[in-house]
Amino acid sequence: MIEIQDLRKSFGPLEVLKGIDLTVAKGEVLTIVGGSGSGKSTLLTCINGLEPINAGRILVDGTEVHAKSTNLDKLRRKIGIVFQQWNAFPHLTVLENVMLAPRKVLGQPKAQAEEMAVRQLTHVGLADKLAVYPSRLSGGQQQRMAIARALAMSPDYMLFDEVTSALDPMLVGEVLDTLRMLASEGMTMICVTHEMKFAREVSDRVAFFHQGVMAEIAAPEAFFEAPTRPETRAFLAATH
């Protein structure tokens, strides 16, 4: 599981996370919603070890992410992360992009990495795009390639940071369908999203971040139908 204890994170004088406490169990889908600048995306980069923290602790399967003794490269193999920008290598085909990390990071032989890459690209509906270059893909296809690339490392946890926010509305559905599939298969996921319908349908719990604190967390039905905090009610009213 992922355990977060009194997490604090500042950028200069600005405190972005103000004492977050949160536990995410194996197999759980947690979606995080909230306004811009509320600390949602920063939380994900802290969990993955991409951002240092100022105080508190983050533990992944009992290993403290930010401890000096922790091998972050090894730990990150457990924690896939997909951002809103997919950052593919333009000179490599879709298949080569997805094979790259298993070969370079895990040291897999080419045949093994290729088998895994084909399996994950098929999984996300891109079996017919293996030899295509990323520039020839739609935005939704590029984002699904980024998900396949993260899955090729066989992570235990997946973090998704606004993966549909840079997409044309017509393409959002295909990426959300991929996340729904992963959720149905039992992947542990933390999804920062603006997609309230997705949060309602797929989450085990929904957390609302407001000005650097986790103002509310509840099962989707309670969260959307009977929020307890005025800030949550105001946010939901604004998103309808």
Protein backbone atom coordinates (compact mmCIF):
# COMPACT_ATOMS: atom_id res chain seq x y z
CA MET A 1 0.00 0.00 0.00
CA ILE A 2 0.93 3.68 -0.19
CA GLU A 3 0.99 5.53 3.13
CA ILE A 4 1.33 9.32 3.38
CA GLN A 5 1.90 10.85 6.82
CA ASP A 6 1.74 14.60 7.51
CA LEU A 7 3.22 15.42 4.11
CA ARG A 8 4.36 18.99 3.60
CA LYS A 9 5.82 20.46 0.45
CA SER A 10 6.78 24.06 -0.34
CA PHE A 11 8.08 25.84 -3.40
CA GLY A 12 9.99 28.74 -1.86
CA PRO A 13 7.60 30.60 0.47
CA LEU A 14 4.53 28.90 -1.02
CA GLU A 15 3.35 25.86 0.94
CA VAL A 16 1.61 23.64 -1.62
CA LEU A 17 0.87 20.60 0.57
CA LYS A 18 -0.05 21.37 4.16
CA GLY A 19 0.02 18.15 6.13
CA ILE A 20 -1.54 15.43 3.95
CA ASP A 21 -2.47 12.10 5.58
CA LEU A 22 -3.63 9.39 3.20
CA THR A 23 -3.49 5.61 2.75
CA VAL A 24 -4.17 3.87 -0.56
CA ALA A 25 -4.68 0.11 -0.36
CA LYS A 26 -3.60 -2.46 -2.95
CA GLY A 27 -6.22 -2.68 -5.69
CA GLU A 28 -7.84 0.63 -4.76
CA VAL A 29 -8.68 3.37 -7.25
CA LEU A 30 -8.41 6.82 -5.69
CA THR A 31 -9.29 9.87 -7.73
CA ILE A 32 -8.17 13.32 -6.61
CA VAL A 33 -10.14 16.38 -7.68
CA GLY A 34 -9.80 20.07 -6.89
CA GLY A 35 -9.00 23.45 -8.34
CA SER A 36 -5.74 24.46 -10.01
CA GLY A 37 -2.92 24.96 -7.53
CA SER A 38 -4.53 22.84 -4.83
CA GLY A 39 -1.55 20.46 -4.67
CA LYS A 40 -2.96 17.47 -6.57
CA SER A 41 -0.19 17.03 -9.14
CA THR A 42 2.53 17.86 -6.62
CA LEU A 43 1.33 14.96 -4.48
CA LEU A 44 1.91 12.52 -7.35
CA THR A 45 5.43 13.74 -8.05
CA CYS A 46 6.25 13.47 -4.33
CA ILE A 47 4.94 9.88 -4.22
CA ASN A 48 7.12 8.98 -7.21
CA GLY A 49 10.16 10.69 -5.66
CA LEU A 50 10.43 13.23 -8.50
CA GLU A 51 10.00 16.10 -6.01
CA PRO A 52 11.74 16.30 -2.62
CA ILE A 53 9.48 16.87 0.39
CA ASN A 54 9.86 19.31 3.30
CA ALA A 55 8.33 17.22 6.07
CA GLY A 56 6.37 14.04 6.69
CA ARG A 57 6.78 10.58 5.19
CA ILE A 58 5.66 8.62 2.14
CA LEU A 59 5.91 4.84 2.33
CA VAL A 60 5.39 2.46 -0.58
CA ASP A 61 5.05 -1.14 0.60
CA GLY A 62 6.84 -0.09 3.77
CA THR A 63 9.78 1.58 2.00
CA GLU A 64 10.21 5.28 2.79
CA VAL A 65 10.40 7.03 -0.59
CA HIS A 66 12.48 10.00 0.56
CA ALA A 67 14.86 8.23 2.94
CA LYS A 68 18.53 8.68 2.01
CA SER A 69 19.00 4.91 2.02
CA THR A 70 16.22 4.28 -0.52
CA ASN A 71 17.17 3.27 -4.05
CA LEU A 72 14.73 5.55 -5.89
CA ASP A 73 15.40 4.05 -9.31
CA LYS A 74 14.47 0.61 -7.99
CA LEU A 75 11.42 1.93 -6.14
CA ARG A 76 10.16 3.81 -9.22
CA ARG A 77 9.89 0.52 -11.09
CA LYS A 78 6.95 -0.21 -8.79
CA ILE A 79 5.28 3.16 -9.44
CA GLY A 80 4.32 4.01 -13.00
CA ILE A 81 3.44 7.64 -13.66
CA VAL A 82 1.74 9.13 -16.72
CA PHE A 83 1.57 12.89 -17.22
CA GLN A 84 -0.66 15.08 -19.37
CA GLN A 85 2.21 15.46 -21.87
CA TRP A 86 3.35 12.12 -23.24
CA ASN A 87 6.95 13.02 -24.28
CA ALA A 88 7.54 10.19 -26.73
CA PHE A 89 10.84 9.81 -28.61
CA PRO A 90 9.87 11.01 -32.10
CA HIS A 91 12.61 9.05 -33.91
CA LEU A 92 11.46 5.70 -32.44
CA THR A 93 8.39 3.73 -33.49
CA VAL A 94 5.56 3.12 -31.02
CA LEU A 95 6.93 -0.37 -30.32
CA GLU A 96 10.49 0.94 -29.82
CA ASN A 97 9.24 3.66 -27.46
CA VAL A 98 7.54 1.08 -25.23
CA MET A 99 10.49 -1.36 -25.36
CA LEU A 100 13.04 1.26 -24.35
CA ALA A 101 12.67 1.34 -20.56
CA PRO A 102 12.41 -2.45 -20.06
CA ARG A 103 15.64 -2.80 -22.06
CA LYS A 104 17.57 0.13 -20.58
CA VAL A 105 16.29 0.09 -17.00
CA LEU A 106 15.39 -3.54 -16.39
CA GLY A 107 18.08 -4.94 -18.68
CA GLN A 108 15.65 -7.24 -20.45
CA PRO A 109 16.77 -9.07 -23.60
CA LYS A 110 15.30 -7.62 -26.78
CA ALA A 111 12.88 -10.52 -27.36
CA GLN A 112 11.47 -10.30 -23.83
CA ALA A 113 11.08 -6.51 -23.97
CA GLU A 114 9.43 -6.76 -27.38
CA GLU A 115 6.97 -9.41 -26.17
CA MET A 116 5.99 -7.25 -23.18
CA ALA A 117 5.69 -4.12 -25.34
CA VAL A 118 3.45 -5.87 -27.89
CA ARG A 119 1.30 -7.27 -25.07
CA GLN A 120 0.81 -3.86 -23.42
CA LEU A 121 0.20 -2.02 -26.69
CA THR A 122 -2.39 -4.65 -27.60
CA HIS A 123 -3.86 -4.22 -24.12
CA VAL A 124 -4.47 -0.49 -24.73
CA GLY A 125 -5.81 -1.02 -28.25
CA LEU A 126 -2.73 -0.10 -30.29
CA ALA A 127 -1.81 -3.50 -31.78
CA ASP A 128 -2.10 -2.02 -35.28
CA LYS A 129 0.25 0.90 -34.54
CA LEU A 130 3.48 -0.92 -33.56
CA ALA A 131 5.54 0.28 -36.54
CA VAL A 132 4.07 3.80 -36.62
CA TYR A 133 5.96 6.88 -35.39
CA PRO A 134 4.34 8.88 -32.56
CA SER A 135 3.70 11.92 -34.77
CA ARG A 136 1.28 9.79 -36.81
CA LEU A 137 -0.89 9.02 -33.76
CA SER A 138 -3.86 11.02 -32.52
CA GLY A 139 -3.55 12.65 -29.10
CA GLY A 140 -5.62 9.89 -27.51
CA GLN A 141 -3.45 7.21 -29.13
CA GLN A 142 -0.29 8.97 -27.94
CA GLN A 143 -1.63 9.03 -24.40
CA ARG A 144 -2.53 5.33 -24.58
CA MET A 145 1.01 4.66 -25.82
CA ALA A 146 2.32 6.50 -22.73
CA ILE A 147 0.15 4.26 -20.54
CA ALA A 148 1.48 1.15 -22.32
CA ARG A 149 5.02 2.43 -21.80
CA ALA A 150 4.43 2.73 -18.04
CA LEU A 151 2.73 -0.69 -17.88
CA ALA A 152 5.65 -2.33 -19.69
CA MET A 153 7.68 -1.88 -16.49
CA SER A 154 5.15 -4.11 -14.64
CA PRO A 155 4.43 -1.55 -11.89
CA ASP A 156 2.40 -2.33 -8.78
CA TYR A 157 0.96 1.21 -8.71
CA MET A 158 -0.05 3.68 -11.39
CA LEU A 159 -0.25 7.45 -10.97
CA PHE A 160 -2.17 9.43 -13.60
CA ASP A 161 -1.81 13.21 -13.68
CA GLU A 162 -4.61 14.86 -15.67
CA VAL A 163 -4.00 12.44 -18.53
CA THR A 164 -6.97 13.74 -20.53
CA SER A 165 -6.58 17.48 -19.98
CA ALA A 166 -4.48 18.14 -23.09
CA LEU A 167 -6.78 16.14 -25.35
CA ASP A 168 -9.52 17.15 -27.74
CA PRO A 169 -12.86 16.30 -26.07
CA MET A 170 -13.51 13.71 -28.79
CA LEU A 171 -10.41 11.76 -27.68
CA VAL A 172 -10.96 11.85 -23.92
CA GLY A 173 -13.27 8.84 -23.89
CA GLU A 174 -10.78 6.38 -25.35
CA VAL A 175 -8.18 7.21 -22.68
CA LEU A 176 -10.75 7.01 -19.88
CA ASP A 177 -11.85 3.63 -21.25
CA THR A 178 -8.25 2.44 -20.89
CA LEU A 179 -8.18 3.60 -17.26
CA ARG A 180 -11.54 1.89 -16.63
CA MET A 181 -10.08 -1.34 -17.99
CA LEU A 182 -7.04 -1.10 -15.69
CA ALA A 183 -9.30 -0.41 -12.71
CA SER A 184 -11.47 -3.44 -13.53
CA GLU A 185 -8.32 -5.58 -13.60
CA GLY A 186 -7.38 -4.53 -10.07
CA MET A 187 -4.54 -2.09 -10.77
CA THR A 188 -3.87 0.23 -7.82
CA MET A 189 -4.35 3.73 -9.20
CA ILE A 190 -4.23 7.33 -8.06
CA CYS A 191 -5.82 9.53 -10.71
CA VAL A 192 -5.75 13.32 -10.63
CA THR A 193 -8.62 14.29 -12.89
CA HIS A 194 -11.16 16.92 -13.92
CA GLU A 195 -13.47 14.21 -15.24
CA MET A 196 -16.21 13.98 -12.60
CA LYS A 197 -18.15 11.26 -14.41
CA PHE A 198 -15.03 9.09 -14.45
CA ALA A 199 -14.37 9.82 -10.76
CA ARG A 200 -17.93 8.84 -9.90
CA GLU A 201 -17.90 5.63 -11.98
CA VAL A 202 -14.47 4.17 -11.38
CA SER A 203 -13.21 5.30 -7.96
CA ASP A 204 -13.31 3.43 -4.71
CA ARG A 205 -12.80 6.83 -3.05
CA VAL A 206 -12.68 10.45 -4.20
CA ALA A 207 -10.48 13.03 -2.45
CA PHE A 208 -11.01 16.77 -2.76
CA PHE A 209 -7.92 18.96 -2.41
CA HIS A 210 -8.42 22.61 -1.52
CA GLN A 211 -5.59 25.11 -0.97
CA GLY A 212 -3.05 22.42 -0.09
CA VAL A 213 -5.16 20.35 2.28
CA MET A 214 -7.28 17.26 1.71
CA ALA A 215 -10.61 18.84 2.60
CA GLU A 216 -12.73 15.74 2.08
CA ILE A 217 -12.42 12.07 1.13
CA ALA A 218 -15.31 9.65 0.70
CA ALA A 219 -16.78 6.90 -1.43
CA PRO A 220 -18.11 8.34 -4.72
CA GLU A 221 -21.79 8.18 -3.81
CA ALA A 222 -21.28 10.04 -0.53
CA PHE A 223 -18.80 12.45 -2.10
CA PHE A 224 -21.07 13.52 -4.95
CA GLU A 225 -24.47 13.21 -3.29
CA ALA A 226 -23.76 14.38 0.26
CA PRO A 227 -20.47 16.30 0.56
CA THR A 228 -19.85 17.50 4.11
CA ARG A 229 -17.65 20.55 3.50
CA PRO A 230 -18.86 23.86 2.01
CA GLU A 231 -15.69 24.05 -0.13
CA THR A 232 -16.53 20.66 -1.64
CA ARG A 233 -20.11 21.69 -2.35
CA ALA A 234 -18.94 24.91 -4.01
CA PHE A 235 -16.42 23.01 -6.16
CA LEU A 236 -18.99 20.43 -7.28
CA ALA A 237 -21.55 23.14 -8.04
CA ALA A 238 -18.97 24.88 -10.25
CA THR A 239 -18.11 21.70 -12.17
CA HIS A 240 -21.70 20.75 -13.08
